[in-house]
Amino acid sequence: MTILERITALSNDQAEAFKSHRHEARRQQLARVRSWLSPEDMMADQENYQELRERYPGTGNWILRNNLVMSWLDPDANVNPILWLTGIPGAGKTILASTIIEAAVKQSDAKVAFVYCKDGNRNRNNFLSTARNIVYQLSRDNEVLTEYIDAIMSKEGHQASRDIHALEEDDFKTPSDESFGEEASDDSA
């Protein structure tokens, strides 16, 4: 092996070690962000709803032919990036949402974040929980956002975590938990 080949091999080894270290640092950073934000596992819900739909093929597919949904899924359309489904409990919002989410995730350039609200579940039916879930989902694919959140956590420490939980308990209460659950409706996404 020539000196040039040895130097190239050493350089490649160092580059691979750096890449591995960077990947591990990113994984640890994302774990800290996840721990701090305490998001619900929306992907597990999505997988459950997909499995349910697979038992009844074609269920919910009609929503993908809706003009508003087709425009929303079209990356070239200039539409609002937020799609919000509402309706009475039991109307099928969750299944329709899971159909739309599945279609959106399949698009290669799409950045998809979603929340399944649950009537009567305080962790799924308030603004702060929804925001934490969306921020976490966006941070998984955005290194800059993850670094920003990690920096805030590092700077503010546990005080920031206490502040978030205090906000959740005090500032974002609705006039009554029952009325908020009714307004948010069951299983809206």
C-alpha atoms as a PDB file:
ATOM      1  CA  MET A   1       0.000   0.000   0.000  1.00  0.00           C
ATOM      2  CA  THR A   2       1.419   3.350  -1.009  1.00  0.00           C
ATOM      3  CA  ILE A   3       1.628   6.342   1.289  1.00  0.00           C
ATOM      4  CA  LEU A   4      -1.137   8.064  -0.680  1.00  0.00           C
ATOM      5  CA  GLU A   5      -3.387   4.994  -0.302  1.00  0.00           C
ATOM      6  CA  ARG A   6      -2.698   4.886   3.464  1.00  0.00           C
ATOM      7  CA  ILE A   7      -3.475   8.590   3.840  1.00  0.00           C
ATOM      8  CA  THR A   8      -6.689   8.168   1.822  1.00  0.00           C
ATOM      9  CA  ALA A   9      -7.720   5.143   3.913  1.00  0.00           C
ATOM     10  CA  LEU A  10      -6.966   7.018   7.152  1.00  0.00           C
ATOM     11  CA  SER A  11      -8.921  10.032   5.922  1.00  0.00           C
ATOM     12  CA  ASN A  12     -11.879   7.825   4.989  1.00  0.00           C
ATOM     13  CA  ASP A  13     -11.767   6.137   8.412  1.00  0.00           C
ATOM     14  CA  GLN A  14     -11.756   9.506  10.170  1.00  0.00           C
ATOM     15  CA  ALA A  15     -14.616  10.771   8.023  1.00  0.00           C
ATOM     16  CA  GLU A  16     -16.640   7.649   8.832  1.00  0.00           C
ATOM     17  CA  ALA A  17     -15.885   8.003  12.565  1.00  0.00           C
ATOM     18  CA  PHE A  18     -16.957  11.654  12.459  1.00  0.00           C
ATOM     19  CA  LYS A  19     -20.146  10.743  10.611  1.00  0.00           C
ATOM     20  CA  SER A  20     -20.918   8.034  13.169  1.00  0.00           C
ATOM     21  CA  HIS A  21     -20.237  10.427  16.056  1.00  0.00           C
ATOM     22  CA  ARG A  22     -22.443  13.104  14.467  1.00  0.00           C
ATOM     23  CA  HIS A  23     -25.268  10.574  13.974  1.00  0.00           C
ATOM     24  CA  GLU A  24     -25.050   9.474  17.625  1.00  0.00           C
ATOM     25  CA  ALA A  25     -24.989  13.092  18.830  1.00  0.00           C
ATOM     26  CA  ARG A  26     -28.102  13.833  16.724  1.00  0.00           C
ATOM     27  CA  ARG A  27     -29.860  10.762  18.122  1.00  0.00           C
ATOM     28  CA  GLN A  28     -29.083  11.838  21.702  1.00  0.00           C
ATOM     29  CA  GLN A  29     -30.169  15.409  20.988  1.00  0.00           C
ATOM     30  CA  LEU A  30     -33.485  14.238  19.562  1.00  0.00           C
ATOM     31  CA  ALA A  31     -33.989  11.973  22.602  1.00  0.00           C
ATOM     32  CA  ARG A  32     -33.478  14.979  24.917  1.00  0.00           C
ATOM     33  CA  VAL A  33     -35.939  17.042  22.869  1.00  0.00           C
ATOM     34  CA  ARG A  34     -38.488  14.210  22.947  1.00  0.00           C
ATOM     35  CA  SER A  35     -38.094  13.855  26.699  1.00  0.00           C
ATOM     36  CA  TRP A  36     -38.515  17.592  27.228  1.00  0.00           C
ATOM     37  CA  LEU A  37     -41.522  18.006  24.942  1.00  0.00           C
ATOM     38  CA  SER A  38     -43.170  14.763  26.142  1.00  0.00           C
ATOM     39  CA  PRO A  39     -45.177  14.209  22.942  1.00  0.00           C
ATOM     40  CA  GLU A  40     -47.827  11.545  22.561  1.00  0.00           C
ATOM     41  CA  ASP A  41     -47.037   8.729  20.117  1.00  0.00           C
ATOM     42  CA  MET A  42     -49.116   9.838  17.148  1.00  0.00           C
ATOM     43  CA  MET A  43     -47.399   7.420  14.765  1.00  0.00           C
ATOM     44  CA  ALA A  44     -48.598   4.437  16.817  1.00  0.00           C
ATOM     45  CA  ASP A  45     -52.142   5.776  16.497  1.00  0.00           C
ATOM     46  CA  GLN A  46     -51.666   6.274  12.758  1.00  0.00           C
ATOM     47  CA  GLU A  47     -50.445   2.694  12.357  1.00  0.00           C
ATOM     48  CA  ASN A  48     -53.431   1.383  14.338  1.00  0.00           C
ATOM     49  CA  TYR A  49     -55.877   3.325  12.163  1.00  0.00           C
ATOM     50  CA  GLN A  50     -54.137   2.128   8.983  1.00  0.00           C
ATOM     51  CA  GLU A  51     -54.451  -1.473  10.195  1.00  0.00           C
ATOM     52  CA  LEU A  52     -58.135  -0.911  10.936  1.00  0.00           C
ATOM     53  CA  ARG A  53     -58.693   0.489   7.439  1.00  0.00           C
ATOM     54  CA  GLU A  54     -56.875  -2.497   5.911  1.00  0.00           C
ATOM     55  CA  ARG A  55     -59.528  -4.768   7.413  1.00  0.00           C
ATOM     56  CA  TYR A  56     -62.114  -2.861   5.365  1.00  0.00           C
ATOM     57  CA  PRO A  57     -60.406  -2.090   2.036  1.00  0.00           C
ATOM     58  CA  GLY A  58     -61.347   1.195   0.438  1.00  0.00           C
ATOM     59  CA  THR A  59     -62.650   2.725   3.664  1.00  0.00           C
ATOM     60  CA  GLY A  60     -62.173   6.478   3.595  1.00  0.00           C
ATOM     61  CA  ASN A  61     -60.604   6.587   0.141  1.00  0.00           C
ATOM     62  CA  TRP A  62     -63.407   8.819  -1.139  1.00  0.00           C
ATOM     63  CA  ILE A  63     -61.909  11.728   0.830  1.00  0.00           C
ATOM     64  CA  LEU A  64     -58.836  11.641  -1.437  1.00  0.00           C
ATOM     65  CA  ARG A  65     -61.106  12.558  -4.376  1.00  0.00           C
ATOM     66  CA  ASN A  66     -62.480  15.623  -2.575  1.00  0.00           C
ATOM     67  CA  ASN A  67     -61.364  18.821  -4.389  1.00  0.00           C
ATOM     68  CA  LEU A  68     -60.168  20.528  -1.196  1.00  0.00           C
ATOM     69  CA  VAL A  69     -58.136  17.493  -0.115  1.00  0.00           C
ATOM     70  CA  MET A  70     -56.719  16.983  -3.624  1.00  0.00           C
ATOM     71  CA  SER A  71     -55.598  20.633  -3.669  1.00  0.00           C
ATOM     72  CA  TRP A  72     -54.143  20.305  -0.177  1.00  0.00           C
ATOM     73  CA  LEU A  73     -52.159  17.201  -1.208  1.00  0.00           C
ATOM     74  CA  ASP A  74     -50.919  18.861  -4.422  1.00  0.00           C
ATOM     75  CA  PRO A  75     -47.423  20.256  -3.725  1.00  0.00           C
ATOM     76  CA  ASP A  76     -47.815  22.792  -6.556  1.00  0.00           C
ATOM     77  CA  ALA A  77     -51.105  24.196  -5.241  1.00  0.00           C
ATOM     78  CA  ASN A  78     -50.956  27.368  -3.208  1.00  0.00           C
ATOM     79  CA  VAL A  79     -53.245  26.345  -0.351  1.00  0.00           C
ATOM     80  CA  ASN A  80     -53.238  26.652   3.420  1.00  0.00           C
ATOM     81  CA  PRO A  81     -50.712  24.145   4.811  1.00  0.00           C
ATOM     82  CA  ILE A  82     -53.079  23.180   7.629  1.00  0.00           C
ATOM     83  CA  LEU A  83     -55.969  20.791   7.086  1.00  0.00           C
ATOM     84  CA  TRP A  84     -58.357  20.592  10.028  1.00  0.00           C
ATOM     85  CA  LEU A  85     -61.162  18.025  10.236  1.00  0.00           C
ATOM     86  CA  THR A  86     -64.100  18.596  12.552  1.00  0.00           C
ATOM     87  CA  GLY A  87     -67.381  16.848  13.089  1.00  0.00           C
ATOM     88  CA  ILE A  88     -69.616  15.169  15.618  1.00  0.00           C
ATOM     89  CA  PRO A  89     -68.278  12.244  17.657  1.00  0.00           C
ATOM     90  CA  GLY A  90     -68.359   9.006  15.686  1.00  0.00           C
ATOM     91  CA  ALA A  91     -68.626  10.671  12.273  1.00  0.00           C
ATOM     92  CA  GLY A  92     -65.408   9.040  11.020  1.00  0.00           C
ATOM     93  CA  LYS A  93     -62.940  11.942  11.276  1.00  0.00           C
ATOM     94  CA  THR A  94     -60.169   9.718  12.584  1.00  0.00           C
ATOM     95  CA  ILE A  95     -60.386   7.225   9.729  1.00  0.00           C
ATOM     96  CA  LEU A  96     -60.584  10.005   7.144  1.00  0.00           C
ATOM     97  CA  ALA A  97     -57.637  11.775   8.751  1.00  0.00           C
ATOM     98  CA  SER A  98     -55.564   8.597   8.738  1.00  0.00           C
ATOM     99  CA  THR A  99     -56.349   8.166   5.020  1.00  0.00           C
ATOM    100  CA  ILE A 100     -55.187  11.708   4.253  1.00  0.00           C
ATOM    101  CA  ILE A 101     -52.095  11.389   6.464  1.00  0.00           C
ATOM    102  CA  GLU A 102     -51.097   8.153   4.736  1.00  0.00           C
ATOM    103  CA  ALA A 103     -51.410   9.835   1.330  1.00  0.00           C
ATOM    104  CA  ALA A 104     -49.421  12.881   2.489  1.00  0.00           C
ATOM    105  CA  VAL A 105     -46.614  10.804   4.015  1.00  0.00           C
ATOM    106  CA  LYS A 106     -46.169   8.951   0.713  1.00  0.00           C
ATOM    107  CA  GLN A 107     -45.224  12.211  -1.020  1.00  0.00           C
ATOM    108  CA  SER A 108     -41.444  12.398  -1.122  1.00  0.00           C
ATOM    109  CA  ASP A 109     -41.037  16.110  -0.378  1.00  0.00           C
ATOM    110  CA  ALA A 110     -43.843  16.416   2.174  1.00  0.00           C
ATOM    111  CA  LYS A 111     -43.206  17.354   5.782  1.00  0.00           C
ATOM    112  CA  VAL A 112     -46.176  15.936   7.647  1.00  0.00           C
ATOM    113  CA  ALA A 113     -47.115  16.625  11.259  1.00  0.00           C
ATOM    114  CA  PHE A 114     -50.439  15.574  12.729  1.00  0.00           C
ATOM    115  CA  VAL A 115     -52.299  15.217  15.985  1.00  0.00           C
ATOM    116  CA  TYR A 116     -55.200  12.982  16.871  1.00  0.00           C
ATOM    117  CA  CYS A 117     -57.264  14.759  19.530  1.00  0.00           C
ATOM    118  CA  LYS A 118     -59.226  12.564  21.904  1.00  0.00           C
ATOM    119  CA  ASP A 119     -62.377  13.608  23.702  1.00  0.00           C
ATOM    120  CA  GLY A 120     -61.867  13.317  27.440  1.00  0.00           C
ATOM    121  CA  ASN A 121     -58.080  12.854  27.198  1.00  0.00           C
ATOM    122  CA  ARG A 122     -56.403  15.954  28.614  1.00  0.00           C
ATOM    123  CA  ASN A 123     -53.087  15.001  27.012  1.00  0.00           C
ATOM    124  CA  ARG A 124     -54.758  15.055  23.602  1.00  0.00           C
ATOM    125  CA  ASN A 125     -57.230  17.893  23.894  1.00  0.00           C
ATOM    126  CA  ASN A 126     -55.348  21.077  24.661  1.00  0.00           C
ATOM    127  CA  PHE A 127     -53.344  23.630  22.761  1.00  0.00           C
ATOM    128  CA  LEU A 128     -49.999  23.049  24.452  1.00  0.00           C
ATOM    129  CA  SER A 129     -50.081  19.285  23.950  1.00  0.00           C
ATOM    130  CA  THR A 130     -50.979  19.797  20.290  1.00  0.00           C
ATOM    131  CA  ALA A 131     -48.159  22.313  19.845  1.00  0.00           C
ATOM    132  CA  ARG A 132     -45.613  20.044  21.579  1.00  0.00           C
ATOM    133  CA  ASN A 133     -46.600  17.127  19.341  1.00  0.00           C
ATOM    134  CA  ILE A 134     -46.315  19.162  16.161  1.00  0.00           C
ATOM    135  CA  VAL A 135     -43.002  20.761  17.165  1.00  0.00           C
ATOM    136  CA  TYR A 136     -41.549  17.346  18.015  1.00  0.00           C
ATOM    137  CA  GLN A 137     -42.686  15.808  14.726  1.00  0.00           C
ATOM    138  CA  LEU A 138     -41.191  18.704  12.765  1.00  0.00           C
ATOM    139  CA  SER A 139     -37.931  18.510  14.739  1.00  0.00           C
ATOM    140  CA  ARG A 140     -37.358  14.863  13.768  1.00  0.00           C
ATOM    141  CA  ASP A 141     -36.539  15.904  10.211  1.00  0.00           C
ATOM    142  CA  ASN A 142     -35.149  19.352  10.908  1.00  0.00           C
ATOM    143  CA  GLU A 143     -31.728  19.412  12.489  1.00  0.00           C
ATOM    144  CA  VAL A 144     -31.760  23.200  12.923  1.00  0.00           C
ATOM    145  CA  LEU A 145     -35.052  23.088  14.838  1.00  0.00           C
ATOM    146  CA  THR A 146     -33.788  20.234  17.019  1.00  0.00           C
ATOM    147  CA  GLU A 147     -30.601  22.171  17.803  1.00  0.00           C
ATOM    148  CA  TYR A 148     -32.643  25.287  18.613  1.00  0.00           C
ATOM    149  CA  ILE A 149     -34.925  23.412  21.025  1.00  0.00           C
ATOM    150  CA  ASP A 150     -31.945  21.647  22.593  1.00  0.00           C
ATOM    151  CA  ALA A 151     -30.207  25.008  23.078  1.00  0.00           C
ATOM    152  CA  ILE A 152     -33.285  26.442  24.812  1.00  0.00           C
ATOM    153  CA  MET A 153     -33.451  23.381  27.046  1.00  0.00           C
ATOM    154  CA  SER A 154     -29.741  23.649  27.873  1.00  0.00           C
ATOM    155  CA  LYS A 155     -29.981  27.378  28.569  1.00  0.00           C
ATOM    156  CA  GLU A 156     -33.205  27.303  30.556  1.00  0.00           C
ATOM    157  CA  GLY A 157     -32.782  23.851  32.074  1.00  0.00           C
ATOM    158  CA  HIS A 158     -35.531  22.442  34.241  1.00  0.00           C
ATOM    159  CA  GLN A 159     -37.095  25.883  34.684  1.00  0.00           C
ATOM    160  CA  ALA A 160     -38.277  25.831  31.061  1.00  0.00           C
ATOM    161  CA  SER A 161     -39.810  22.400  31.605  1.00  0.00           C
ATOM    162  CA  ARG A 162     -41.616  23.609  34.728  1.00  0.00           C
ATOM    163  CA  ASP A 163     -42.797  26.685  32.818  1.00  0.00           C
ATOM    164  CA  ILE A 164     -44.264  24.540  30.027  1.00  0.00           C
ATOM    165  CA  HIS A 165     -46.132  22.310  32.461  1.00  0.00           C
ATOM    166  CA  ALA A 166     -47.362  25.338  34.435  1.00  0.00           C
ATOM    167  CA  LEU A 167     -48.687  26.862  31.213  1.00  0.00           C
ATOM    168  CA  GLU A 168     -50.438  23.643  30.390  1.00  0.00           C
ATOM    169  CA  GLU A 169     -52.083  23.451  33.787  1.00  0.00           C
ATOM    170  CA  ASP A 170     -52.942  27.122  34.279  1.00  0.00           C
ATOM    171  CA  ASP A 171     -52.951  29.332  31.209  1.00  0.00           C
ATOM    172  CA  PHE A 172     -54.583  27.052  28.660  1.00  0.00           C
ATOM    173  CA  LYS A 173     -57.538  25.863  30.692  1.00  0.00           C
ATOM    174  CA  THR A 174     -60.881  26.289  29.056  1.00  0.00           C
ATOM    175  CA  PRO A 175     -63.951  27.496  30.953  1.00  0.00           C
ATOM    176  CA  SER A 176     -64.733  23.856  31.618  1.00  0.00           C
ATOM    177  CA  ASP A 177     -62.960  20.710  30.540  1.00  0.00           C
ATOM    178  CA  GLU A 178     -66.297  19.294  29.371  1.00  0.00           C
ATOM    179  CA  SER A 179     -67.014  22.199  27.034  1.00  0.00           C
ATOM    180  CA  PHE A 180     -63.517  22.010  25.538  1.00  0.00           C
ATOM    181  CA  GLY A 181     -63.964  18.308  24.847  1.00  0.00           C
ATOM    182  CA  GLU A 182     -67.292  18.960  23.161  1.00  0.00           C
ATOM    183  CA  GLU A 183     -65.887  21.799  21.053  1.00  0.00           C
ATOM    184  CA  ALA A 184     -62.835  19.790  20.031  1.00  0.00           C
ATOM    185  CA  SER A 185     -65.076  16.809  19.328  1.00  0.00           C
ATOM    186  CA  ASP A 186     -64.172  13.166  19.513  1.00  0.00           C
ATOM    187  CA  ASP A 187     -61.141  11.922  17.587  1.00  0.00           C
ATOM    188  CA  SER A 188     -60.661  14.999  15.424  1.00  0.00           C
ATOM    189  CA  ALA A 189     -57.342  15.220  13.635  1.00  0.00           C
END
